[in-house]
Amino acid sequence: MPLKKINGISGAEAMEMLRISSKTTLQTLRDEGSIKFSQPERTIILYDSESIDQFLNRHVRTTFNQGRTGRRSITRIPTRF
């Protein structure tokens, strides 16, 4: 089976997508297998942006906000990790 090409992003970009500021939290998510990563070199770690999106979608809460128009809009808010 051929390996799937990973759309690799840096740790800083992954932290921005996840809205976290702690490298330790990012490492915990990696260690738990919550997000996919590759390590082409000892000091380089690339994160799979698709798996981060999937992680966020699994941990999203939907809230209903009523705007000025009186219509409800759905806002997706990721839960805290």
PDB file of N, CA and C in Angstrom:
ATOM      1  N   MET A   1       0.847  -1.173   0.000  1.00  0.00           N
ATOM      2  CA  MET A   1       0.000   0.000   0.000  1.00  0.00           C
ATOM      3  C   MET A   1       0.894   1.239   0.000  1.00  0.00           C
ATOM      4  N   PRO A   2       0.667   2.164  -0.933  1.00  0.00           N
ATOM      5  CA  PRO A   2       1.500   3.369  -0.983  1.00  0.00           C
ATOM      6  C   PRO A   2       1.211   4.275   0.212  1.00  0.00           C
ATOM      7  N   LEU A   3       2.250   4.975   0.657  1.00  0.00           N
ATOM      8  CA  LEU A   3       2.079   5.906   1.761  1.00  0.00           C
ATOM      9  C   LEU A   3       1.346   7.142   1.289  1.00  0.00           C
ATOM     10  N   LYS A   4       0.479   7.674   2.153  1.00  0.00           N
ATOM     11  CA  LYS A   4      -0.250   8.891   1.847  1.00  0.00           C
ATOM     12  C   LYS A   4       0.674  10.081   2.087  1.00  0.00           C
ATOM     13  N   LYS A   5       0.678  11.008   1.164  1.00  0.00           N
ATOM     14  CA  LYS A   5       1.496  12.205   1.313  1.00  0.00           C
ATOM     15  C   LYS A   5       0.867  13.093   2.389  1.00  0.00           C
ATOM     16  N   ILE A   6       1.672  13.538   3.325  1.00  0.00           N
ATOM     17  CA  ILE A   6       1.188  14.388   4.409  1.00  0.00           C
ATOM     18  C   ILE A   6       1.386  15.847   4.030  1.00  0.00           C
ATOM     19  N   ASN A   7       0.332  16.630   4.233  1.00  0.00           N
ATOM     20  CA  ASN A   7       0.420  18.071   4.021  1.00  0.00           C
ATOM     21  C   ASN A   7       1.023  18.649   5.297  1.00  0.00           C
ATOM     22  N   GLY A   8       2.348  18.687   5.364  1.00  0.00           N
ATOM     23  CA  GLY A   8       3.043  19.046   6.590  1.00  0.00           C
ATOM     24  C   GLY A   8       3.088  20.529   6.861  1.00  0.00           C
ATOM     25  N   ILE A   9       2.787  20.871   8.103  1.00  0.00           N
ATOM     26  CA  ILE A   9       2.890  22.253   8.553  1.00  0.00           C
ATOM     27  C   ILE A   9       3.784  22.271   9.787  1.00  0.00           C
ATOM     28  N   SER A  10       4.321  23.411  10.103  1.00  0.00           N
ATOM     29  CA  SER A  10       5.238  23.548  11.238  1.00  0.00           C
ATOM     30  C   SER A  10       4.482  23.470  12.563  1.00  0.00           C
ATOM     31  N   GLY A  11       5.239  23.346  13.630  1.00  0.00           N
ATOM     32  CA  GLY A  11       4.640  23.333  14.963  1.00  0.00           C
ATOM     33  C   GLY A  11       3.919  24.635  15.271  1.00  0.00           C
ATOM     34  N   ALA A  12       4.503  25.757  14.857  1.00  0.00           N
ATOM     35  CA  ALA A  12       3.874  27.068  15.091  1.00  0.00           C
ATOM     36  C   ALA A  12       2.535  27.163  14.364  1.00  0.00           C
ATOM     37  N   GLU A  13       2.492  26.672  13.113  1.00  0.00           N
ATOM     38  CA  GLU A  13       1.239  26.698  12.353  1.00  0.00           C
ATOM     39  C   GLU A  13       0.211  25.757  12.971  1.00  0.00           C
ATOM     40  N   ALA A  14       0.669  24.593  13.449  1.00  0.00           N
ATOM     41  CA  ALA A  14      -0.235  23.642  14.103  1.00  0.00           C
ATOM     42  C   ALA A  14      -0.822  24.248  15.372  1.00  0.00           C
ATOM     43  N   MET A  15       0.018  24.917  16.152  1.00  0.00           N
ATOM     44  CA  MET A  15      -0.458  25.559  17.379  1.00  0.00           C
ATOM     45  C   MET A  15      -1.465  26.653  17.074  1.00  0.00           C
ATOM     46  N   GLU A  16      -1.242  27.371  15.984  1.00  0.00           N
ATOM     47  CA  GLU A  16      -2.181  28.419  15.584  1.00  0.00           C
ATOM     48  C   GLU A  16      -3.527  27.812  15.172  1.00  0.00           C
ATOM     49  N   MET A  17      -3.480  26.724  14.401  1.00  0.00           N
ATOM     50  CA  MET A  17      -4.720  26.065  13.988  1.00  0.00           C
ATOM     51  C   MET A  17      -5.512  25.549  15.198  1.00  0.00           C
ATOM     52  N   LEU A  18      -4.782  25.021  16.183  1.00  0.00           N
ATOM     53  CA  LEU A  18      -5.411  24.445  17.369  1.00  0.00           C
ATOM     54  C   LEU A  18      -5.749  25.498  18.427  1.00  0.00           C
ATOM     55  N   ARG A  19      -5.263  26.721  18.206  1.00  0.00           N
ATOM     56  CA  ARG A  19      -5.459  27.817  19.151  1.00  0.00           C
ATOM     57  C   ARG A  19      -4.895  27.464  20.525  1.00  0.00           C
ATOM     58  N   ILE A  20      -3.680  26.945  20.522  1.00  0.00           N
ATOM     59  CA  ILE A  20      -2.982  26.648  21.765  1.00  0.00           C
ATOM     60  C   ILE A  20      -1.669  27.415  21.769  1.00  0.00           C
ATOM     61  N   SER A  21      -1.119  27.660  22.956  1.00  0.00           N
ATOM     62  CA  SER A  21       0.140  28.397  23.034  1.00  0.00           C
ATOM     63  C   SER A  21       1.252  27.572  23.669  1.00  0.00           C
ATOM     64  N   SER A  22       0.930  26.351  24.062  1.00  0.00           N
ATOM     65  CA  SER A  22       1.895  25.518  24.756  1.00  0.00           C
ATOM     66  C   SER A  22       2.457  24.426  23.852  1.00  0.00           C
ATOM     67  N   LYS A  23       3.782  24.373  23.744  1.00  0.00           N
ATOM     68  CA  LYS A  23       4.421  23.302  22.982  1.00  0.00           C
ATOM     69  C   LYS A  23       4.200  21.956  23.664  1.00  0.00           C
ATOM     70  N   THR A  24       4.052  21.976  24.983  1.00  0.00           N
ATOM     71  CA  THR A  24       3.804  20.748  25.738  1.00  0.00           C
ATOM     72  C   THR A  24       2.455  20.151  25.358  1.00  0.00           C
ATOM     73  N   THR A  25       1.436  20.987  25.192  1.00  0.00           N
ATOM     74  CA  THR A  25       0.121  20.512  24.778  1.00  0.00           C
ATOM     75  C   THR A  25       0.200  19.910  23.386  1.00  0.00           C
ATOM     76  N   LEU A  26       0.938  20.543  22.495  1.00  0.00           N
ATOM     77  CA  LEU A  26       1.113  20.030  21.143  1.00  0.00           C
ATOM     78  C   LEU A  26       1.800  18.662  21.188  1.00  0.00           C
ATOM     79  N   GLN A  27       2.815  18.528  22.030  1.00  0.00           N
ATOM     80  CA  GLN A  27       3.508  17.248  22.154  1.00  0.00           C
ATOM     81  C   GLN A  27       2.587  16.183  22.742  1.00  0.00           C
ATOM     82  N   THR A  28       1.743  16.557  23.698  1.00  0.00           N
ATOM     83  CA  THR A  28       0.794  15.609  24.287  1.00  0.00           C
ATOM     84  C   THR A  28      -0.176  15.097  23.231  1.00  0.00           C
ATOM     85  N   LEU A  29      -0.692  15.992  22.393  1.00  0.00           N
ATOM     86  CA  LEU A  29      -1.603  15.590  21.318  1.00  0.00           C
ATOM     87  C   LEU A  29      -0.900  14.641  20.357  1.00  0.00           C
ATOM     88  N   ARG A  30       0.359  14.906  20.103  1.00  0.00           N
ATOM     89  CA  ARG A  30       1.157  14.046  19.226  1.00  0.00           C
ATOM     90  C   ARG A  30       1.392  12.684  19.896  1.00  0.00           C
ATOM     91  N   ASP A  31       1.777  12.692  21.170  1.00  0.00           N
ATOM     92  CA  ASP A  31       2.065  11.454  21.897  1.00  0.00           C
ATOM     93  C   ASP A  31       0.830  10.566  22.050  1.00  0.00           C
ATOM     94  N   GLU A  32      -0.340  11.195  22.221  1.00  0.00           N
ATOM     95  CA  GLU A  32      -1.594  10.447  22.379  1.00  0.00           C
ATOM     96  C   GLU A  32      -2.108   9.902  21.051  1.00  0.00           C
ATOM     97  N   GLY A  33      -1.520  10.348  19.955  1.00  0.00           N
ATOM     98  CA  GLY A  33      -1.980   9.919  18.642  1.00  0.00           C
ATOM     99  C   GLY A  33      -3.201  10.692  18.167  1.00  0.00           C
ATOM    100  N   SER A  34      -3.467  11.823  18.803  1.00  0.00           N
ATOM    101  CA  SER A  34      -4.632  12.639  18.436  1.00  0.00           C
ATOM    102  C   SER A  34      -4.442  13.345  17.102  1.00  0.00           C
ATOM    103  N   ILE A  35      -3.199  13.689  16.778  1.00  0.00           N
ATOM    104  CA  ILE A  35      -2.891  14.304  15.488  1.00  0.00           C
ATOM    105  C   ILE A  35      -1.706  13.566  14.874  1.00  0.00           C
ATOM    106  N   LYS A  36      -1.693  13.507  13.554  1.00  0.00           N
ATOM    107  CA  LYS A  36      -0.620  12.813  12.834  1.00  0.00           C
ATOM    108  C   LYS A  36       0.547  13.759  12.601  1.00  0.00           C
ATOM    109  N   PHE A  37       1.715  13.171  12.540  1.00  0.00           N
ATOM    110  CA  PHE A  37       2.917  13.964  12.287  1.00  0.00           C
ATOM    111  C   PHE A  37       3.947  13.102  11.576  1.00  0.00           C
ATOM    112  N   SER A  38       4.933  13.751  11.019  1.00  0.00           N
ATOM    113  CA  SER A  38       6.086  13.042  10.465  1.00  0.00           C
ATOM    114  C   SER A  38       7.331  13.753  10.964  1.00  0.00           C
ATOM    115  N   GLN A  39       8.419  13.014  11.035  1.00  0.00           N
ATOM    116  CA  GLN A  39       9.670  13.577  11.518  1.00  0.00           C
ATOM    117  C   GLN A  39      10.772  13.216  10.528  1.00  0.00           C
ATOM    118  N   PRO A  40      10.916  14.036   9.459  1.00  0.00           N
ATOM    119  CA  PRO A  40      11.909  13.724   8.432  1.00  0.00           C
ATOM    120  C   PRO A  40      13.354  13.816   8.932  1.00  0.00           C
ATOM    121  N   GLU A  41      13.584  14.642   9.939  1.00  0.00           N
ATOM    122  CA  GLU A  41      14.901  14.764  10.558  1.00  0.00           C
ATOM    123  C   GLU A  41      14.702  14.840  12.063  1.00  0.00           C
ATOM    124  N   ARG A  42      15.767  14.627  12.792  1.00  0.00           N
ATOM    125  CA  ARG A  42      15.676  14.581  14.252  1.00  0.00           C
ATOM    126  C   ARG A  42      15.055  15.844  14.845  1.00  0.00           C
ATOM    127  N   THR A  43      15.376  16.991  14.306  1.00  0.00           N
ATOM    128  CA  THR A  43      14.901  18.259  14.874  1.00  0.00           C
ATOM    129  C   THR A  43      13.724  18.866  14.125  1.00  0.00           C
ATOM    130  N   ILE A  44      13.225  18.178  13.101  1.00  0.00           N
ATOM    131  CA  ILE A  44      12.112  18.713  12.318  1.00  0.00           C
ATOM    132  C   ILE A  44      10.888  17.823  12.505  1.00  0.00           C
ATOM    133  N   ILE A  45       9.785  18.419  12.950  1.00  0.00           N
ATOM    134  CA  ILE A  45       8.529  17.705  13.087  1.00  0.00           C
ATOM    135  C   ILE A  45       7.492  18.460  12.266  1.00  0.00           C
ATOM    136  N   LEU A  46       6.832  17.752  11.356  1.00  0.00           N
ATOM    137  CA  LEU A  46       5.778  18.335  10.533  1.00  0.00           C
ATOM    138  C   LEU A  46       4.450  17.700  10.920  1.00  0.00           C
ATOM    139  N   TYR A  47       3.426  18.521  11.030  1.00  0.00           N
ATOM    140  CA  TYR A  47       2.107  18.065  11.453  1.00  0.00           C
ATOM    141  C   TYR A  47       1.172  18.007  10.258  1.00  0.00           C
ATOM    142  N   ASP A  48       0.284  17.022  10.253  1.00  0.00           N
ATOM    143  CA  ASP A  48      -0.664  16.822   9.164  1.00  0.00           C
ATOM    144  C   ASP A  48      -1.875  17.735   9.385  1.00  0.00           C
ATOM    145  N   SER A  49      -2.037  18.733   8.538  1.00  0.00           N
ATOM    146  CA  SER A  49      -3.122  19.711   8.712  1.00  0.00           C
ATOM    147  C   SER A  49      -4.496  19.056   8.607  1.00  0.00           C
ATOM    148  N   GLU A  50      -4.620  18.023   7.792  1.00  0.00           N
ATOM    149  CA  GLU A  50      -5.906  17.328   7.658  1.00  0.00           C
ATOM    150  C   GLU A  50      -6.278  16.628   8.969  1.00  0.00           C
ATOM    151  N   SER A  51      -5.313  16.019   9.634  1.00  0.00           N
ATOM    152  CA  SER A  51      -5.623  15.344  10.898  1.00  0.00           C
ATOM    153  C   SER A  51      -5.946  16.360  11.996  1.00  0.00           C
ATOM    154  N   ILE A  52      -5.360  17.554  11.913  1.00  0.00           N
ATOM    155  CA  ILE A  52      -5.708  18.613  12.874  1.00  0.00           C
ATOM    156  C   ILE A  52      -7.143  19.051  12.642  1.00  0.00           C
ATOM    157  N   ASP A  53      -7.539  19.216  11.375  1.00  0.00           N
ATOM    158  CA  ASP A  53      -8.935  19.562  11.062  1.00  0.00           C
ATOM    159  C   ASP A  53      -9.886  18.487  11.585  1.00  0.00           C
ATOM    160  N   GLN A  54      -9.532  17.222  11.384  1.00  0.00           N
ATOM    161  CA  GLN A  54     -10.368  16.124  11.875  1.00  0.00           C
ATOM    162  C   GLN A  54     -10.465  16.153  13.392  1.00  0.00           C
ATOM    163  N   PHE A  55      -9.350  16.414  14.067  1.00  0.00           N
ATOM    164  CA  PHE A  55      -9.344  16.512  15.525  1.00  0.00           C
ATOM    165  C   PHE A  55     -10.268  17.636  15.989  1.00  0.00           C
ATOM    166  N   LEU A  56     -10.162  18.793  15.343  1.00  0.00           N
ATOM    167  CA  LEU A  56     -11.019  19.922  15.715  1.00  0.00           C
ATOM    168  C   LEU A  56     -12.491  19.605  15.479  1.00  0.00           C
ATOM    169  N   ASN A  57     -12.802  18.946  14.374  1.00  0.00           N
ATOM    170  CA  ASN A  57     -14.192  18.591  14.086  1.00  0.00           C
ATOM    171  C   ASN A  57     -14.749  17.591  15.096  1.00  0.00           C
ATOM    172  N   ARG A  58     -13.893  16.711  15.626  1.00  0.00           N
ATOM    173  CA  ARG A  58     -14.349  15.757  16.648  1.00  0.00           C
ATOM    174  C   ARG A  58     -14.600  16.443  17.985  1.00  0.00           C
ATOM    175  N   HIS A  59     -13.989  17.595  18.221  1.00  0.00           N
ATOM    176  CA  HIS A  59     -14.075  18.275  19.510  1.00  0.00           C
ATOM    177  C   HIS A  59     -14.756  19.635  19.401  1.00  0.00           C
ATOM    178  N   VAL A  60     -15.667  19.754  18.485  1.00  0.00           N
ATOM    179  CA  VAL A  60     -16.338  21.038  18.278  1.00  0.00           C
ATOM    180  C   VAL A  60     -17.690  21.029  18.987  1.00  0.00           C
ATOM    181  N   ARG A  61     -18.071  22.181  19.502  1.00  0.00           N
ATOM    182  CA  ARG A  61     -19.397  22.356  20.101  1.00  0.00           C
ATOM    183  C   ARG A  61     -20.136  23.394  19.266  1.00  0.00           C
ATOM    184  N   THR A  62     -21.377  23.151  19.037  1.00  0.00           N
ATOM    185  CA  THR A  62     -22.179  24.078  18.249  1.00  0.00           C
ATOM    186  C   THR A  62     -23.019  24.925  19.203  1.00  0.00           C
ATOM    187  N   THR A  63     -22.947  26.231  19.040  1.00  0.00           N
ATOM    188  CA  THR A  63     -23.755  27.138  19.840  1.00  0.00           C
ATOM    189  C   THR A  63     -24.671  27.912  18.912  1.00  0.00           C
ATOM    190  N   PHE A  64     -25.747  28.375  19.443  1.00  0.00           N
ATOM    191  CA  PHE A  64     -26.684  29.159  18.654  1.00  0.00           C
ATOM    192  C   PHE A  64     -26.626  30.601  19.143  1.00  0.00           C
ATOM    193  N   ASN A  65     -26.303  31.497  18.245  1.00  0.00           N
ATOM    194  CA  ASN A  65     -26.242  32.922  18.558  1.00  0.00           C
ATOM    195  C   ASN A  65     -27.360  33.632  17.811  1.00  0.00           C
ATOM    196  N   GLN A  66     -27.965  34.579  18.455  1.00  0.00           N
ATOM    197  CA  GLN A  66     -29.003  35.347  17.796  1.00  0.00           C
ATOM    198  C   GLN A  66     -28.429  36.717  17.468  1.00  0.00           C
ATOM    199  N   GLY A  67     -28.296  36.979  16.181  1.00  0.00           N
ATOM    200  CA  GLY A  67     -27.715  38.242  15.744  1.00  0.00           C
ATOM    201  C   GLY A  67     -28.736  39.357  15.710  1.00  0.00           C
ATOM    202  N   ARG A  68     -28.316  40.494  15.178  1.00  0.00           N
ATOM    203  CA  ARG A  68     -29.214  41.660  15.102  1.00  0.00           C
ATOM    204  C   ARG A  68     -30.393  41.402  14.183  1.00  0.00           C
ATOM    205  N   THR A  69     -30.252  40.478  13.242  1.00  0.00           N
ATOM    206  CA  THR A  69     -31.340  40.210  12.314  1.00  0.00           C
ATOM    207  C   THR A  69     -32.431  39.349  12.951  1.00  0.00           C
ATOM    208  N   GLY A  70     -32.129  38.783  14.124  1.00  0.00           N
ATOM    209  CA  GLY A  70     -33.107  37.922  14.782  1.00  0.00           C
ATOM    210  C   GLY A  70     -33.008  36.476  14.334  1.00  0.00           C
ATOM    211  N   ARG A  71     -32.168  36.214  13.319  1.00  0.00           N
ATOM    212  CA  ARG A  71     -31.989  34.843  12.852  1.00  0.00           C
ATOM    213  C   ARG A  71     -30.892  34.171  13.651  1.00  0.00           C
ATOM    214  N   ARG A  72     -31.023  32.889  13.811  1.00  0.00           N
ATOM    215  CA  ARG A  72     -29.994  32.140  14.514  1.00  0.00           C
ATOM    216  C   ARG A  72     -28.846  31.819  13.568  1.00  0.00           C
ATOM    217  N   SER A  73     -27.652  31.917  14.079  1.00  0.00           N
ATOM    218  CA  SER A  73     -26.491  31.499  13.316  1.00  0.00           C
ATOM    219  C   SER A  73     -25.725  30.490  14.153  1.00  0.00           C
ATOM    220  N   ILE A  74     -25.091  29.566  13.478  1.00  0.00           N
ATOM    221  CA  ILE A  74     -24.349  28.532  14.171  1.00  0.00           C
ATOM    222  C   ILE A  74     -22.881  28.904  14.188  1.00  0.00           C
ATOM    223  N   THR A  75     -22.292  28.879  15.376  1.00  0.00           N
ATOM    224  CA  THR A  75     -20.886  29.184  15.545  1.00  0.00           C
ATOM    225  C   THR A  75     -20.190  27.925  16.029  1.00  0.00           C
ATOM    226  N   ARG A  76     -19.103  27.548  15.369  1.00  0.00           N
ATOM    227  CA  ARG A  76     -18.340  26.375  15.801  1.00  0.00           C
ATOM    228  C   ARG A  76     -17.210  26.821  16.708  1.00  0.00           C
ATOM    229  N   ILE A  77     -17.210  26.314  17.929  1.00  0.00           N
ATOM    230  CA  ILE A  77     -16.200  26.674  18.909  1.00  0.00           C
ATOM    231  C   ILE A  77     -15.483  25.406  19.337  1.00  0.00           C
ATOM    232  N   PRO A  78     -14.168  25.311  19.106  1.00  0.00           N
ATOM    233  CA  PRO A  78     -13.456  24.129  19.562  1.00  0.00           C
ATOM    234  C   PRO A  78     -13.398  24.089  21.087  1.00  0.00           C
ATOM    235  N   THR A  79     -13.502  22.888  21.643  1.00  0.00           N
ATOM    236  CA  THR A  79     -13.408  22.728  23.090  1.00  0.00           C
ATOM    237  C   THR A  79     -11.966  22.877  23.519  1.00  0.00           C
ATOM    238  N   ARG A  80     -11.757  23.115  24.784  1.00  0.00           N
ATOM    239  CA  ARG A  80     -10.395  23.224  25.340  1.00  0.00           C
ATOM    240  C   ARG A  80      -9.779  21.841  25.374  1.00  0.00           C
ATOM    241  N   PHE A  81      -8.477  21.765  25.201  1.00  0.00           N
ATOM    242  CA  PHE A  81      -7.764  20.486  25.178  1.00  0.00           C
ATOM    243  C   PHE A  81      -7.018  20.293  26.463  1.00  0.00           C
TER     244      PHE A  81
END
